[in-house]
Amino acid sequence: MNFMQIQEYIKFDSIGLADLIKKKKVHVKEIIDVAIKAIELYNPKINAVIHKMYDEVEKQIKENHQG
């Protein structure tokens, strides 16, 4: 599998990311993983995310997408 990098991720808006998932070019888990990496990289500088809900997201993925 070709994993998305942050540099590629930031080129897309939410509609573009959803389209990639719909076309099965990436898996939803891959998008979540790169989003978390971006938050961890940039948030200390900009302090935009105050409540990280990573566990809740992982649970939703398992419930809704079976893995």
C-alpha atoms as a PDB file:
ATOM      1  CA  MET A   1       0.000   0.000   0.000  1.00  0.00           C
ATOM      2  CA  ASN A   2       1.227   3.479  -0.836  1.00  0.00           C
ATOM      3  CA  PHE A   3       0.841   5.534   2.341  1.00  0.00           C
ATOM      4  CA  MET A   4      -0.126   9.194   2.095  1.00  0.00           C
ATOM      5  CA  GLN A   5       2.358  11.714   3.441  1.00  0.00           C
ATOM      6  CA  ILE A   6       1.522  15.048   5.090  1.00  0.00           C
ATOM      7  CA  GLN A   7       2.749  16.965   2.022  1.00  0.00           C
ATOM      8  CA  GLU A   8       0.169  15.167  -0.129  1.00  0.00           C
ATOM      9  CA  TYR A   9      -2.584  15.308   2.526  1.00  0.00           C
ATOM     10  CA  ILE A  10      -2.477  19.095   2.833  1.00  0.00           C
ATOM     11  CA  LYS A  11      -3.175  19.486  -0.896  1.00  0.00           C
ATOM     12  CA  PHE A  12      -6.755  18.214  -0.398  1.00  0.00           C
ATOM     13  CA  ASP A  13      -9.827  19.676   1.264  1.00  0.00           C
ATOM     14  CA  SER A  14     -12.385  17.406   2.963  1.00  0.00           C
ATOM     15  CA  ILE A  15     -14.288  16.831  -0.273  1.00  0.00           C
ATOM     16  CA  GLY A  16     -11.099  15.841  -2.080  1.00  0.00           C
ATOM     17  CA  LEU A  17     -10.149  13.434   0.704  1.00  0.00           C
ATOM     18  CA  ALA A  18     -13.656  11.918   0.691  1.00  0.00           C
ATOM     19  CA  ASP A  19     -13.388  11.458  -3.078  1.00  0.00           C
ATOM     20  CA  LEU A  20     -10.081   9.601  -2.685  1.00  0.00           C
ATOM     21  CA  ILE A  21     -11.716   7.289  -0.132  1.00  0.00           C
ATOM     22  CA  LYS A  22     -14.790   6.764  -2.333  1.00  0.00           C
ATOM     23  CA  LYS A  23     -12.569   5.859  -5.309  1.00  0.00           C
ATOM     24  CA  LYS A  24     -10.614   3.505  -3.019  1.00  0.00           C
ATOM     25  CA  LYS A  25      -7.338   5.285  -3.715  1.00  0.00           C
ATOM     26  CA  VAL A  26      -6.785   5.513   0.063  1.00  0.00           C
ATOM     27  CA  HIS A  27      -8.408   3.910   3.092  1.00  0.00           C
ATOM     28  CA  VAL A  28     -10.114   6.038   5.730  1.00  0.00           C
ATOM     29  CA  LYS A  29      -7.594   4.756   8.309  1.00  0.00           C
ATOM     30  CA  GLU A  30      -4.755   6.123   6.195  1.00  0.00           C
ATOM     31  CA  ILE A  31      -6.368   9.584   6.145  1.00  0.00           C
ATOM     32  CA  ILE A  32      -6.901   9.496   9.909  1.00  0.00           C
ATOM     33  CA  ASP A  33      -3.300   8.423  10.533  1.00  0.00           C
ATOM     34  CA  VAL A  34      -1.836  11.236   8.436  1.00  0.00           C
ATOM     35  CA  ALA A  35      -4.248  13.758  10.007  1.00  0.00           C
ATOM     36  CA  ILE A  36      -3.041  12.728  13.465  1.00  0.00           C
ATOM     37  CA  LYS A  37       0.582  13.086  12.330  1.00  0.00           C
ATOM     38  CA  ALA A  38      -0.187  16.584  11.030  1.00  0.00           C
ATOM     39  CA  ILE A  39      -1.872  17.543  14.304  1.00  0.00           C
ATOM     40  CA  GLU A  40       1.082  16.288  16.325  1.00  0.00           C
ATOM     41  CA  LEU A  41       3.536  18.124  14.059  1.00  0.00           C
ATOM     42  CA  TYR A  42       1.795  21.508  13.762  1.00  0.00           C
ATOM     43  CA  ASN A  43      -0.398  21.826  16.848  1.00  0.00           C
ATOM     44  CA  PRO A  44       2.409  22.666  19.298  1.00  0.00           C
ATOM     45  CA  LYS A  45       3.105  25.771  17.194  1.00  0.00           C
ATOM     46  CA  ILE A  46      -0.472  26.902  16.538  1.00  0.00           C
ATOM     47  CA  ASN A  47      -2.412  25.400  19.472  1.00  0.00           C
ATOM     48  CA  ALA A  48      -5.533  24.796  17.363  1.00  0.00           C
ATOM     49  CA  VAL A  49      -6.550  21.376  18.720  1.00  0.00           C
ATOM     50  CA  ILE A  50      -7.337  21.400  22.419  1.00  0.00           C
ATOM     51  CA  HIS A  51      -9.103  18.058  22.793  1.00  0.00           C
ATOM     52  CA  LYS A  52      -7.567  15.182  20.885  1.00  0.00           C
ATOM     53  CA  MET A  53     -10.110  12.421  20.328  1.00  0.00           C
ATOM     54  CA  TYR A  54      -7.851   9.859  18.691  1.00  0.00           C
ATOM     55  CA  ASP A  55      -9.271   6.891  20.614  1.00  0.00           C
ATOM     56  CA  GLU A  56     -12.826   7.837  19.692  1.00  0.00           C
ATOM     57  CA  VAL A  57     -11.874   8.101  16.015  1.00  0.00           C
ATOM     58  CA  GLU A  58     -10.214   4.683  16.064  1.00  0.00           C
ATOM     59  CA  LYS A  59     -13.343   3.211  17.654  1.00  0.00           C
ATOM     60  CA  GLN A  60     -15.562   4.800  14.976  1.00  0.00           C
ATOM     61  CA  ILE A  61     -13.375   3.410  12.196  1.00  0.00           C
ATOM     62  CA  LYS A  62     -13.630  -0.105  13.621  1.00  0.00           C
ATOM     63  CA  GLU A  63     -17.393   0.168  14.094  1.00  0.00           C
ATOM     64  CA  ASN A  64     -18.197   1.758  10.730  1.00  0.00           C
ATOM     65  CA  HIS A  65     -15.564   0.353   8.391  1.00  0.00           C
ATOM     66  CA  GLN A  66     -14.643  -2.975   9.955  1.00  0.00           C
ATOM     67  CA  GLY A  67     -10.974  -2.214  10.416  1.00  0.00           C
END
